[in-house]
Amino acid sequence: MEAVLTPNPSGERVPDELYARASAHYDKAMWSLILAIAHIGFLTPAALIAKPIPGMPPGQNYSEQGRNEA
């Protein structure tokens, strides 16, 4: 995952050799692995920006009402 999320000055984020090694182990589940990494890459900034309230139920963890009850 670090190879995907770390900027590379040469422009290529995942070298062909690394992709080939990963696909040897995860050939059938390669898309699941790619989607999991993409999901983490999307939700991490969203969570940092939105600042959810820990321990609150879904639907109340981003509201001002939930903040006052916490």
PDB file of N, CA and C in Angstrom:
ATOM      1  N   MET A   1       0.820  -1.176   0.000  1.00  0.00           N
ATOM      2  CA  MET A   1       0.000   0.000   0.000  1.00  0.00           C
ATOM      3  C   MET A   1       0.875   1.254   0.000  1.00  0.00           C
ATOM      4  N   GLU A   2       2.008   1.174   0.655  1.00  0.00           N
ATOM      5  CA  GLU A   2       2.901   2.332   0.713  1.00  0.00           C
ATOM      6  C   GLU A   2       3.370   2.727  -0.683  1.00  0.00           C
ATOM      7  N   ALA A   3       3.606   1.728  -1.544  1.00  0.00           N
ATOM      8  CA  ALA A   3       4.051   2.035  -2.908  1.00  0.00           C
ATOM      9  C   ALA A   3       2.979   2.766  -3.697  1.00  0.00           C
ATOM     10  N   VAL A   4       1.733   2.541  -3.366  1.00  0.00           N
ATOM     11  CA  VAL A   4       0.634   3.193  -4.079  1.00  0.00           C
ATOM     12  C   VAL A   4       0.430   4.616  -3.588  1.00  0.00           C
ATOM     13  N   LEU A   5       0.511   4.834  -2.282  1.00  0.00           N
ATOM     14  CA  LEU A   5       0.174   6.129  -1.708  1.00  0.00           C
ATOM     15  C   LEU A   5       1.346   7.096  -1.587  1.00  0.00           C
ATOM     16  N   THR A   6       2.581   6.620  -1.760  1.00  0.00           N
ATOM     17  CA  THR A   6       3.760   7.480  -1.653  1.00  0.00           C
ATOM     18  C   THR A   6       4.080   8.089  -3.016  1.00  0.00           C
ATOM     19  N   PRO A   7       4.211   9.408  -3.108  1.00  0.00           N
ATOM     20  CA  PRO A   7       4.552  10.026  -4.397  1.00  0.00           C
ATOM     21  C   PRO A   7       5.907   9.538  -4.901  1.00  0.00           C
ATOM     22  N   ASN A   8       6.013   9.350  -6.200  1.00  0.00           N
ATOM     23  CA  ASN A   8       7.243   8.880  -6.817  1.00  0.00           C
ATOM     24  C   ASN A   8       7.719   9.947  -7.800  1.00  0.00           C
ATOM     25  N   PRO A   9       8.950  10.454  -7.629  1.00  0.00           N
ATOM     26  CA  PRO A   9       9.423  11.532  -8.507  1.00  0.00           C
ATOM     27  C   PRO A   9       9.503  11.131  -9.979  1.00  0.00           C
ATOM     28  N   SER A  10       9.661   9.839 -10.274  1.00  0.00           N
ATOM     29  CA  SER A  10       9.767   9.415 -11.675  1.00  0.00           C
ATOM     30  C   SER A  10       8.406   9.334 -12.349  1.00  0.00           C
ATOM     31  N   GLY A  11       7.329   9.469 -11.581  1.00  0.00           N
ATOM     32  CA  GLY A  11       5.995   9.470 -12.164  1.00  0.00           C
ATOM     33  C   GLY A  11       5.288   8.129 -12.106  1.00  0.00           C
ATOM     34  N   GLU A  12       6.026   7.030 -12.028  1.00  0.00           N
ATOM     35  CA  GLU A  12       5.407   5.707 -11.979  1.00  0.00           C
ATOM     36  C   GLU A  12       5.217   5.313 -10.520  1.00  0.00           C
ATOM     37  N   ARG A  13       3.969   5.156 -10.101  1.00  0.00           N
ATOM     38  CA  ARG A  13       3.703   4.868  -8.692  1.00  0.00           C
ATOM     39  C   ARG A  13       3.927   3.401  -8.359  1.00  0.00           C
ATOM     40  N   VAL A  14       3.460   2.502  -9.205  1.00  0.00           N
ATOM     41  CA  VAL A  14       3.617   1.071  -8.960  1.00  0.00           C
ATOM     42  C   VAL A  14       4.388   0.476 -10.132  1.00  0.00           C
ATOM     43  N   PRO A  15       5.645   0.092  -9.912  1.00  0.00           N
ATOM     44  CA  PRO A  15       6.431  -0.494 -10.995  1.00  0.00           C
ATOM     45  C   PRO A  15       5.809  -1.802 -11.485  1.00  0.00           C
ATOM     46  N   ASP A  16       6.066  -2.134 -12.740  1.00  0.00           N
ATOM     47  CA  ASP A  16       5.528  -3.365 -13.322  1.00  0.00           C
ATOM     48  C   ASP A  16       5.962  -4.593 -12.531  1.00  0.00           C
ATOM     49  N   GLU A  17       7.191  -4.582 -12.019  1.00  0.00           N
ATOM     50  CA  GLU A  17       7.699  -5.722 -11.239  1.00  0.00           C
ATOM     51  C   GLU A  17       6.874  -5.920  -9.965  1.00  0.00           C
ATOM     52  N   LEU A  18       6.558  -4.844  -9.269  1.00  0.00           N
ATOM     53  CA  LEU A  18       5.753  -4.939  -8.052  1.00  0.00           C
ATOM     54  C   LEU A  18       4.344  -5.417  -8.373  1.00  0.00           C
ATOM     55  N   TYR A  19       3.760  -4.915  -9.471  1.00  0.00           N
ATOM     56  CA  TYR A  19       2.423  -5.350  -9.876  1.00  0.00           C
ATOM     57  C   TYR A  19       2.431  -6.842 -10.207  1.00  0.00           C
ATOM     58  N   ALA A  20       3.473  -7.307 -10.897  1.00  0.00           N
ATOM     59  CA  ALA A  20       3.573  -8.726 -11.249  1.00  0.00           C
ATOM     60  C   ALA A  20       3.707  -9.593 -10.000  1.00  0.00           C
ATOM     61  N   ARG A  21       4.498  -9.135  -9.030  1.00  0.00           N
ATOM     62  CA  ARG A  21       4.640  -9.898  -7.780  1.00  0.00           C
ATOM     63  C   ARG A  21       3.322  -9.955  -7.027  1.00  0.00           C
ATOM     64  N   ALA A  22       2.616  -8.839  -6.963  1.00  0.00           N
ATOM     65  CA  ALA A  22       1.329  -8.810  -6.257  1.00  0.00           C
ATOM     66  C   ALA A  22       0.298  -9.666  -6.974  1.00  0.00           C
ATOM     67  N   SER A  23       0.266  -9.600  -8.309  1.00  0.00           N
ATOM     68  CA  SER A  23      -0.735 -10.375  -9.041  1.00  0.00           C
ATOM     69  C   SER A  23      -0.464 -11.873  -8.959  1.00  0.00           C
ATOM     70  N   ALA A  24       0.787 -12.265  -8.697  1.00  0.00           N
ATOM     71  CA  ALA A  24       1.085 -13.687  -8.516  1.00  0.00           C
ATOM     72  C   ALA A  24       0.406 -14.226  -7.261  1.00  0.00           C
ATOM     73  N   HIS A  25       0.278 -13.398  -6.240  1.00  0.00           N
ATOM     74  CA  HIS A  25      -0.353 -13.815  -4.990  1.00  0.00           C
ATOM     75  C   HIS A  25      -1.842 -13.525  -4.970  1.00  0.00           C
ATOM     76  N   TYR A  26      -2.244 -12.458  -5.620  1.00  0.00           N
ATOM     77  CA  TYR A  26      -3.627 -11.992  -5.527  1.00  0.00           C
ATOM     78  C   TYR A  26      -4.320 -11.963  -6.883  1.00  0.00           C
ATOM     79  N   ASP A  27      -3.953 -12.859  -7.802  1.00  0.00           N
ATOM     80  CA  ASP A  27      -4.477 -12.800  -9.161  1.00  0.00           C
ATOM     81  C   ASP A  27      -6.003 -12.771  -9.197  1.00  0.00           C
ATOM     82  N   LYS A  28      -6.635 -13.678  -8.459  1.00  0.00           N
ATOM     83  CA  LYS A  28      -8.103 -13.748  -8.480  1.00  0.00           C
ATOM     84  C   LYS A  28      -8.736 -12.603  -7.705  1.00  0.00           C
ATOM     85  N   ALA A  29      -8.019 -12.049  -6.772  1.00  0.00           N
ATOM     86  CA  ALA A  29      -8.594 -10.999  -5.930  1.00  0.00           C
ATOM     87  C   ALA A  29      -7.932  -9.644  -6.175  1.00  0.00           C
ATOM     88  N   MET A  30      -7.280  -9.484  -7.343  1.00  0.00           N
ATOM     89  CA  MET A  30      -6.556  -8.237  -7.597  1.00  0.00           C
ATOM     90  C   MET A  30      -7.487  -7.031  -7.566  1.00  0.00           C
ATOM     91  N   TRP A  31      -8.670  -7.132  -8.158  1.00  0.00           N
ATOM     92  CA  TRP A  31      -9.588  -5.991  -8.140  1.00  0.00           C
ATOM     93  C   TRP A  31     -10.078  -5.700  -6.733  1.00  0.00           C
ATOM     94  N   SER A  32     -10.274  -6.733  -5.934  1.00  0.00           N
ATOM     95  CA  SER A  32     -10.674  -6.499  -4.540  1.00  0.00           C
ATOM     96  C   SER A  32      -9.581  -5.752  -3.795  1.00  0.00           C
ATOM     97  N   LEU A  33      -8.331  -6.126  -4.038  1.00  0.00           N
ATOM     98  CA  LEU A  33      -7.203  -5.447  -3.405  1.00  0.00           C
ATOM     99  C   LEU A  33      -7.109  -3.993  -3.880  1.00  0.00           C
ATOM    100  N   ILE A  34      -7.262  -3.779  -5.177  1.00  0.00           N
ATOM    101  CA  ILE A  34      -7.205  -2.420  -5.723  1.00  0.00           C
ATOM    102  C   ILE A  34      -8.326  -1.564  -5.147  1.00  0.00           C
ATOM    103  N   LEU A  35      -9.538  -2.112  -5.082  1.00  0.00           N
ATOM    104  CA  LEU A  35     -10.663  -1.351  -4.539  1.00  0.00           C
ATOM    105  C   LEU A  35     -10.497  -1.074  -3.053  1.00  0.00           C
ATOM    106  N   ALA A  36      -9.911  -2.015  -2.307  1.00  0.00           N
ATOM    107  CA  ALA A  36      -9.681  -1.783  -0.877  1.00  0.00           C
ATOM    108  C   ALA A  36      -8.695  -0.631  -0.673  1.00  0.00           C
ATOM    109  N   ILE A  37      -7.622  -0.612  -1.457  1.00  0.00           N
ATOM    110  CA  ILE A  37      -6.645   0.475  -1.356  1.00  0.00           C
ATOM    111  C   ILE A  37      -7.287   1.800  -1.759  1.00  0.00           C
ATOM    112  N   ALA A  38      -8.087   1.787  -2.817  1.00  0.00           N
ATOM    113  CA  ALA A  38      -8.764   3.010  -3.257  1.00  0.00           C
ATOM    114  C   ALA A  38      -9.744   3.503  -2.199  1.00  0.00           C
ATOM    115  N   HIS A  39     -10.434   2.575  -1.562  1.00  0.00           N
ATOM    116  CA  HIS A  39     -11.405   2.931  -0.519  1.00  0.00           C
ATOM    117  C   HIS A  39     -10.700   3.611   0.658  1.00  0.00           C
ATOM    118  N   ILE A  40      -9.586   3.043   1.074  1.00  0.00           N
ATOM    119  CA  ILE A  40      -8.809   3.635   2.167  1.00  0.00           C
ATOM    120  C   ILE A  40      -8.293   5.009   1.750  1.00  0.00           C
ATOM    121  N   GLY A  41      -7.809   5.105   0.510  1.00  0.00           N
ATOM    122  CA  GLY A  41      -7.294   6.370   0.015  1.00  0.00           C
ATOM    123  C   GLY A  41      -8.358   7.451  -0.074  1.00  0.00           C
ATOM    124  N   PHE A  42      -9.613   7.057  -0.273  1.00  0.00           N
ATOM    125  CA  PHE A  42     -10.705   8.030  -0.335  1.00  0.00           C
ATOM    126  C   PHE A  42     -11.198   8.405   1.053  1.00  0.00           C
ATOM    127  N   LEU A  43     -11.376   7.417   1.926  1.00  0.00           N
ATOM    128  CA  LEU A  43     -12.000   7.675   3.221  1.00  0.00           C
ATOM    129  C   LEU A  43     -11.071   8.354   4.225  1.00  0.00           C
ATOM    130  N   THR A  44      -9.777   8.158   4.113  1.00  0.00           N
ATOM    131  CA  THR A  44      -8.861   8.789   5.062  1.00  0.00           C
ATOM    132  C   THR A  44      -8.952  10.313   5.004  1.00  0.00           C
ATOM    133  N   PRO A  45      -8.838  10.943   3.832  1.00  0.00           N
ATOM    134  CA  PRO A  45      -8.992  12.405   3.808  1.00  0.00           C
ATOM    135  C   PRO A  45     -10.394  12.850   4.200  1.00  0.00           C
ATOM    136  N   ALA A  46     -11.412  12.086   3.816  1.00  0.00           N
ATOM    137  CA  ALA A  46     -12.785  12.454   4.180  1.00  0.00           C
ATOM    138  C   ALA A  46     -12.953  12.464   5.695  1.00  0.00           C
ATOM    139  N   ALA A  47     -12.385  11.484   6.363  1.00  0.00           N
ATOM    140  CA  ALA A  47     -12.490  11.427   7.824  1.00  0.00           C
ATOM    141  C   ALA A  47     -11.688  12.552   8.478  1.00  0.00           C
ATOM    142  N   LEU A  48     -10.546  12.893   7.907  1.00  0.00           N
ATOM    143  CA  LEU A  48      -9.747  13.980   8.476  1.00  0.00           C
ATOM    144  C   LEU A  48     -10.440  15.326   8.323  1.00  0.00           C
ATOM    145  N   ILE A  49     -11.138  15.517   7.214  1.00  0.00           N
ATOM    146  CA  ILE A  49     -11.839  16.779   6.979  1.00  0.00           C
ATOM    147  C   ILE A  49     -13.105  16.860   7.818  1.00  0.00           C
ATOM    148  N   ALA A  50     -13.884  15.775   7.861  1.00  0.00           N
ATOM    149  CA  ALA A  50     -15.191  15.796   8.521  1.00  0.00           C
ATOM    150  C   ALA A  50     -15.099  15.695  10.038  1.00  0.00           C
ATOM    151  N   LYS A  51     -14.021  15.133  10.564  1.00  0.00           N
ATOM    152  CA  LYS A  51     -13.815  14.965  12.004  1.00  0.00           C
ATOM    153  C   LYS A  51     -15.010  14.290  12.688  1.00  0.00           C
ATOM    154  N   PRO A  52     -15.245  13.000  12.380  1.00  0.00           N
ATOM    155  CA  PRO A  52     -16.373  12.312  13.015  1.00  0.00           C
ATOM    156  C   PRO A  52     -16.179  12.197  14.524  1.00  0.00           C
ATOM    157  N   ILE A  53     -17.283  12.093  15.239  1.00  0.00           N
ATOM    158  CA  ILE A  53     -17.246  11.977  16.697  1.00  0.00           C
ATOM    159  C   ILE A  53     -17.133  10.496  17.051  1.00  0.00           C
ATOM    160  N   PRO A  54     -16.051  10.064  17.693  1.00  0.00           N
ATOM    161  CA  PRO A  54     -15.890   8.656  18.039  1.00  0.00           C
ATOM    162  C   PRO A  54     -16.972   8.192  19.011  1.00  0.00           C
ATOM    163  N   GLY A  55     -17.430   6.965  18.826  1.00  0.00           N
ATOM    164  CA  GLY A  55     -18.381   6.360  19.750  1.00  0.00           C
ATOM    165  C   GLY A  55     -19.830   6.719  19.503  1.00  0.00           C
ATOM    166  N   MET A  56     -20.098   7.589  18.555  1.00  0.00           N
ATOM    167  CA  MET A  56     -21.478   7.968  18.251  1.00  0.00           C
ATOM    168  C   MET A  56     -22.031   7.042  17.171  1.00  0.00           C
ATOM    169  N   PRO A  57     -23.331   6.757  17.195  1.00  0.00           N
ATOM    170  CA  PRO A  57     -23.918   5.878  16.180  1.00  0.00           C
ATOM    171  C   PRO A  57     -23.933   6.555  14.807  1.00  0.00           C
ATOM    172  N   PRO A  58     -23.955   5.750  13.734  1.00  0.00           N
ATOM    173  CA  PRO A  58     -24.030   6.330  12.396  1.00  0.00           C
ATOM    174  C   PRO A  58     -25.242   7.250  12.271  1.00  0.00           C
ATOM    175  N   GLY A  59     -25.050   8.352  11.603  1.00  0.00           N
ATOM    176  CA  GLY A  59     -26.119   9.324  11.449  1.00  0.00           C
ATOM    177  C   GLY A  59     -26.045  10.439  12.477  1.00  0.00           C
ATOM    178  N   GLN A  60     -25.375  10.190  13.590  1.00  0.00           N
ATOM    179  CA  GLN A  60     -25.223  11.217  14.617  1.00  0.00           C
ATOM    180  C   GLN A  60     -23.756  11.580  14.842  1.00  0.00           C
ATOM    181  N   ASN A  61     -22.853  10.848  14.198  1.00  0.00           N
ATOM    182  CA  ASN A  61     -21.433  11.061  14.467  1.00  0.00           C
ATOM    183  C   ASN A  61     -20.844  12.283  13.761  1.00  0.00           C
ATOM    184  N   TYR A  62     -21.627  12.984  12.948  1.00  0.00           N
ATOM    185  CA  TYR A  62     -21.145  14.206  12.311  1.00  0.00           C
ATOM    186  C   TYR A  62     -21.992  15.415  12.675  1.00  0.00           C
ATOM    187  N   SER A  63     -23.024  15.241  13.483  1.00  0.00           N
ATOM    188  CA  SER A  63     -23.957  16.339  13.742  1.00  0.00           C
ATOM    189  C   SER A  63     -23.550  17.150  14.966  1.00  0.00           C
ATOM    190  N   GLU A  64     -23.999  18.375  14.998  1.00  0.00           N
ATOM    191  CA  GLU A  64     -23.779  19.221  16.170  1.00  0.00           C
ATOM    192  C   GLU A  64     -24.531  18.655  17.369  1.00  0.00           C
ATOM    193  N   GLN A  65     -25.697  18.056  17.121  1.00  0.00           N
ATOM    194  CA  GLN A  65     -26.457  17.443  18.210  1.00  0.00           C
ATOM    195  C   GLN A  65     -25.627  16.331  18.852  1.00  0.00           C
ATOM    196  N   GLY A  66     -24.957  15.526  18.026  1.00  0.00           N
ATOM    197  CA  GLY A  66     -24.108  14.469  18.553  1.00  0.00           C
ATOM    198  C   GLY A  66     -22.940  15.015  19.344  1.00  0.00           C
ATOM    199  N   ARG A  67     -22.392  16.154  18.918  1.00  0.00           N
ATOM    200  CA  ARG A  67     -21.278  16.775  19.642  1.00  0.00           C
ATOM    201  C   ARG A  67     -21.718  17.228  21.029  1.00  0.00           C
ATOM    202  N   ASN A  68     -22.908  17.788  21.130  1.00  0.00           N
ATOM    203  CA  ASN A  68     -23.391  18.271  22.419  1.00  0.00           C
ATOM    204  C   ASN A  68     -23.690  17.136  23.385  1.00  0.00           C
ATOM    205  N   GLU A  69     -24.072  15.964  22.855  1.00  0.00           N
ATOM    206  CA  GLU A  69     -24.386  14.819  23.710  1.00  0.00           C
ATOM    207  C   GLU A  69     -23.134  14.084  24.146  1.00  0.00           C
ATOM    208  N   ALA A  70     -22.040  14.238  23.407  1.00  0.00           N
ATOM    209  CA  ALA A  70     -20.821  13.473  23.697  1.00  0.00           C
ATOM    210  C   ALA A  70     -20.142  13.957  24.953  1.00  0.00           C
TER     211      ALA A  70
END
